[in-house]
Amino acid sequence: MPSVESSGRPRVFATTEMRLIPHHASCPECGSADVGTDQVDLGDGIEETAYVCDHCGTAWPLACICEWNTAHARR
């Protein structure tokens, strides 16, 4: 759970070790741009907001998070 400042707003932490990579809102299966978002059950009671293709029903995440070691990239 994120910590909260005295103002009641969540604190934001910056990191150089992780990177957020957003996905395109066009279906990777059929190429349709007719997509929306919905809650998708991942199993074990975990849900994620995902893009869902209105044409073929394929679902994919809004973004992925990956390790990104900027110190290594500078070498």
N, C-alpha and C. Protein backbone atom coordinates (compact mmCIF):
# COMPACT_ATOMS: atom_id res chain seq x y z
N MET A 1 0.84 -1.16 0.00
CA MET A 1 0.00 0.00 0.00
C MET A 1 0.90 1.23 0.00
N PRO A 2 0.61 2.23 -0.91
CA PRO A 2 1.45 3.41 -0.93
C PRO A 2 1.29 4.23 0.32
N SER A 3 2.37 4.88 0.72
CA SER A 3 2.26 5.74 1.89
C SER A 3 1.57 7.04 1.49
N VAL A 4 1.05 7.76 2.48
CA VAL A 4 0.29 8.97 2.22
C VAL A 4 0.91 10.14 2.95
N GLU A 5 1.04 11.26 2.26
CA GLU A 5 1.56 12.47 2.87
C GLU A 5 0.53 13.02 3.83
N SER A 6 0.93 13.98 4.68
CA SER A 6 0.00 14.60 5.63
C SER A 6 -1.14 15.32 4.91
N SER A 7 -0.95 15.69 3.63
CA SER A 7 -1.99 16.35 2.86
C SER A 7 -3.08 15.37 2.42
N GLY A 8 -2.84 14.08 2.63
CA GLY A 8 -3.80 13.06 2.20
C GLY A 8 -3.54 12.53 0.80
N ARG A 9 -2.56 13.09 0.11
CA ARG A 9 -2.22 12.61 -1.23
C ARG A 9 -1.21 11.48 -1.14
N PRO A 10 -1.31 10.49 -2.05
CA PRO A 10 -0.30 9.42 -2.05
C PRO A 10 1.07 9.99 -2.39
N ARG A 11 2.09 9.47 -1.75
CA ARG A 11 3.46 9.88 -2.08
C ARG A 11 3.87 9.17 -3.36
N VAL A 12 4.61 9.84 -4.18
CA VAL A 12 5.09 9.27 -5.44
C VAL A 12 6.58 8.99 -5.29
N PHE A 13 6.98 7.78 -5.62
CA PHE A 13 8.38 7.40 -5.54
C PHE A 13 8.93 7.22 -6.95
N ALA A 14 10.06 7.81 -7.22
CA ALA A 14 10.71 7.67 -8.52
C ALA A 14 11.77 6.58 -8.41
N THR A 15 11.94 5.86 -9.48
CA THR A 15 12.97 4.83 -9.49
C THR A 15 13.64 4.82 -10.86
N THR A 16 14.90 4.51 -10.88
CA THR A 16 15.61 4.37 -12.14
C THR A 16 15.77 2.90 -12.50
N GLU A 17 15.17 2.02 -11.70
CA GLU A 17 15.34 0.59 -11.91
C GLU A 17 14.15 -0.09 -12.56
N MET A 18 13.05 0.64 -12.75
CA MET A 18 11.86 0.07 -13.36
C MET A 18 11.39 1.02 -14.47
N ARG A 19 10.72 0.45 -15.47
CA ARG A 19 10.23 1.27 -16.57
C ARG A 19 8.83 0.81 -16.94
N LEU A 20 7.93 1.75 -17.16
CA LEU A 20 6.56 1.48 -17.58
C LEU A 20 6.50 1.61 -19.10
N ILE A 21 6.05 0.55 -19.76
CA ILE A 21 5.97 0.55 -21.21
C ILE A 21 4.50 0.41 -21.60
N PRO A 22 3.84 1.51 -22.02
CA PRO A 22 2.43 1.44 -22.38
C PRO A 22 2.23 0.69 -23.70
N HIS A 23 1.12 -0.04 -23.79
CA HIS A 23 0.77 -0.76 -25.02
C HIS A 23 -0.16 0.10 -25.86
N HIS A 24 -0.19 -0.15 -27.16
CA HIS A 24 -1.07 0.56 -28.08
C HIS A 24 -2.49 0.07 -27.92
N ALA A 25 -3.43 0.95 -28.17
CA ALA A 25 -4.85 0.59 -28.10
C ALA A 25 -5.35 0.10 -29.45
N SER A 26 -4.58 -0.79 -30.06
CA SER A 26 -5.02 -1.48 -31.27
C SER A 26 -4.75 -2.96 -31.04
N CYS A 27 -5.70 -3.79 -31.45
CA CYS A 27 -5.66 -5.22 -31.13
C CYS A 27 -4.44 -5.92 -31.73
N PRO A 28 -3.66 -6.61 -30.91
CA PRO A 28 -2.50 -7.33 -31.42
C PRO A 28 -2.90 -8.59 -32.21
N GLU A 29 -4.14 -9.03 -32.06
CA GLU A 29 -4.60 -10.25 -32.75
C GLU A 29 -5.17 -9.93 -34.13
N CYS A 30 -6.12 -8.98 -34.21
CA CYS A 30 -6.79 -8.72 -35.48
C CYS A 30 -6.49 -7.33 -36.06
N GLY A 31 -5.81 -6.47 -35.28
CA GLY A 31 -5.45 -5.15 -35.77
C GLY A 31 -6.53 -4.09 -35.63
N SER A 32 -7.68 -4.44 -35.09
CA SER A 32 -8.78 -3.49 -34.95
C SER A 32 -8.44 -2.38 -33.96
N ALA A 33 -8.92 -1.18 -34.26
CA ALA A 33 -8.76 -0.05 -33.33
C ALA A 33 -10.03 0.13 -32.51
N ASP A 34 -10.99 -0.76 -32.68
CA ASP A 34 -12.25 -0.71 -31.94
C ASP A 34 -12.07 -1.44 -30.62
N VAL A 35 -11.43 -0.77 -29.65
CA VAL A 35 -11.12 -1.37 -28.36
C VAL A 35 -11.63 -0.50 -27.22
N GLY A 36 -11.84 -1.12 -26.09
CA GLY A 36 -12.23 -0.43 -24.88
C GLY A 36 -11.41 -0.98 -23.73
N THR A 37 -11.74 -0.61 -22.52
CA THR A 37 -11.07 -1.16 -21.35
C THR A 37 -12.10 -1.82 -20.45
N ASP A 38 -11.65 -2.83 -19.72
CA ASP A 38 -12.52 -3.56 -18.80
C ASP A 38 -11.66 -4.23 -17.75
N GLN A 39 -12.27 -4.63 -16.65
CA GLN A 39 -11.58 -5.39 -15.62
C GLN A 39 -11.53 -6.85 -16.08
N VAL A 40 -10.35 -7.44 -16.08
CA VAL A 40 -10.14 -8.82 -16.52
C VAL A 40 -9.63 -9.64 -15.34
N ASP A 41 -10.25 -10.78 -15.09
CA ASP A 41 -9.85 -11.67 -14.00
C ASP A 41 -8.60 -12.44 -14.42
N LEU A 42 -7.52 -12.29 -13.64
CA LEU A 42 -6.27 -12.99 -13.92
C LEU A 42 -6.17 -14.32 -13.18
N GLY A 43 -7.13 -14.58 -12.30
CA GLY A 43 -7.10 -15.79 -11.49
C GLY A 43 -6.68 -15.48 -10.07
N ASP A 44 -7.00 -16.37 -9.16
CA ASP A 44 -6.66 -16.21 -7.74
C ASP A 44 -7.19 -14.90 -7.16
N GLY A 45 -8.31 -14.41 -7.69
CA GLY A 45 -8.92 -13.19 -7.17
C GLY A 45 -8.24 -11.90 -7.59
N ILE A 46 -7.32 -11.97 -8.52
CA ILE A 46 -6.60 -10.78 -9.00
C ILE A 46 -7.27 -10.29 -10.27
N GLU A 47 -7.53 -8.98 -10.32
CA GLU A 47 -8.09 -8.36 -11.51
C GLU A 47 -7.17 -7.26 -12.01
N GLU A 48 -7.23 -7.01 -13.31
CA GLU A 48 -6.40 -5.98 -13.93
C GLU A 48 -7.25 -5.24 -14.95
N THR A 49 -7.04 -3.93 -15.07
CA THR A 49 -7.69 -3.19 -16.14
C THR A 49 -6.92 -3.49 -17.41
N ALA A 50 -7.63 -3.88 -18.46
CA ALA A 50 -6.99 -4.28 -19.70
C ALA A 50 -7.74 -3.70 -20.89
N TYR A 51 -7.04 -3.60 -22.01
CA TYR A 51 -7.71 -3.30 -23.27
C TYR A 51 -8.46 -4.57 -23.68
N VAL A 52 -9.64 -4.40 -24.28
CA VAL A 52 -10.40 -5.53 -24.80
C VAL A 52 -10.89 -5.15 -26.18
N CYS A 53 -10.60 -5.99 -27.17
CA CYS A 53 -11.02 -5.74 -28.54
C CYS A 53 -12.51 -6.03 -28.68
N ASP A 54 -13.27 -5.04 -29.16
CA ASP A 54 -14.70 -5.23 -29.37
C ASP A 54 -14.98 -6.09 -30.59
N HIS A 55 -14.00 -6.27 -31.45
CA HIS A 55 -14.18 -7.07 -32.67
C HIS A 55 -13.96 -8.57 -32.42
N CYS A 56 -12.84 -8.94 -31.80
CA CYS A 56 -12.52 -10.37 -31.63
C CYS A 56 -12.48 -10.84 -30.18
N GLY A 57 -12.52 -9.90 -29.21
CA GLY A 57 -12.54 -10.29 -27.79
C GLY A 57 -11.19 -10.47 -27.14
N THR A 58 -10.11 -10.27 -27.88
CA THR A 58 -8.77 -10.40 -27.31
C THR A 58 -8.56 -9.34 -26.23
N ALA A 59 -7.90 -9.71 -25.13
CA ALA A 59 -7.58 -8.77 -24.06
C ALA A 59 -6.07 -8.72 -23.88
N TRP A 60 -5.54 -7.53 -23.58
CA TRP A 60 -4.12 -7.37 -23.33
C TRP A 60 -3.93 -6.22 -22.34
N PRO A 61 -2.83 -6.21 -21.59
CA PRO A 61 -2.63 -5.19 -20.55
C PRO A 61 -2.44 -3.79 -21.13
N LEU A 62 -2.79 -2.79 -20.32
CA LEU A 62 -2.58 -1.40 -20.72
C LEU A 62 -1.10 -1.08 -20.83
N ALA A 63 -0.28 -1.74 -19.99
CA ALA A 63 1.15 -1.48 -19.98
C ALA A 63 1.87 -2.64 -19.28
N CYS A 64 3.16 -2.69 -19.46
CA CYS A 64 4.00 -3.66 -18.76
C CYS A 64 5.05 -2.89 -17.97
N ILE A 65 5.49 -3.48 -16.90
CA ILE A 65 6.56 -2.90 -16.10
C ILE A 65 7.76 -3.84 -16.23
N CYS A 66 8.92 -3.28 -16.52
CA CYS A 66 10.11 -4.11 -16.66
C CYS A 66 11.25 -3.51 -15.86
N GLU A 67 12.21 -4.33 -15.55
CA GLU A 67 13.42 -3.86 -14.88
C GLU A 67 14.21 -3.03 -15.90
N TRP A 68 14.76 -1.93 -15.43
CA TRP A 68 15.48 -1.03 -16.32
C TRP A 68 16.66 -0.48 -15.54
N ASN A 69 17.80 -1.06 -15.70
CA ASN A 69 18.98 -0.66 -14.96
C ASN A 69 19.70 0.42 -15.75
N THR A 70 19.47 1.68 -15.39
CA THR A 70 20.08 2.79 -16.14
C THR A 70 21.59 2.85 -15.92
N ALA A 71 22.07 2.40 -14.81
CA ALA A 71 23.52 2.39 -14.58
C ALA A 71 24.20 1.47 -15.58
N HIS A 72 23.60 0.33 -15.86
CA HIS A 72 24.15 -0.61 -16.84
C HIS A 72 24.06 -0.03 -18.25
N ALA A 73 22.98 0.68 -18.55
CA ALA A 73 22.78 1.24 -19.88
C ALA A 73 23.79 2.34 -20.20
N ARG A 74 24.33 3.01 -19.21
CA ARG A 74 25.29 4.10 -19.43
C ARG A 74 26.68 3.60 -19.80
N ARG A 75 26.94 2.35 -19.62
CA ARG A 75 28.31 1.83 -19.89
C ARG A 75 28.64 1.83 -21.35
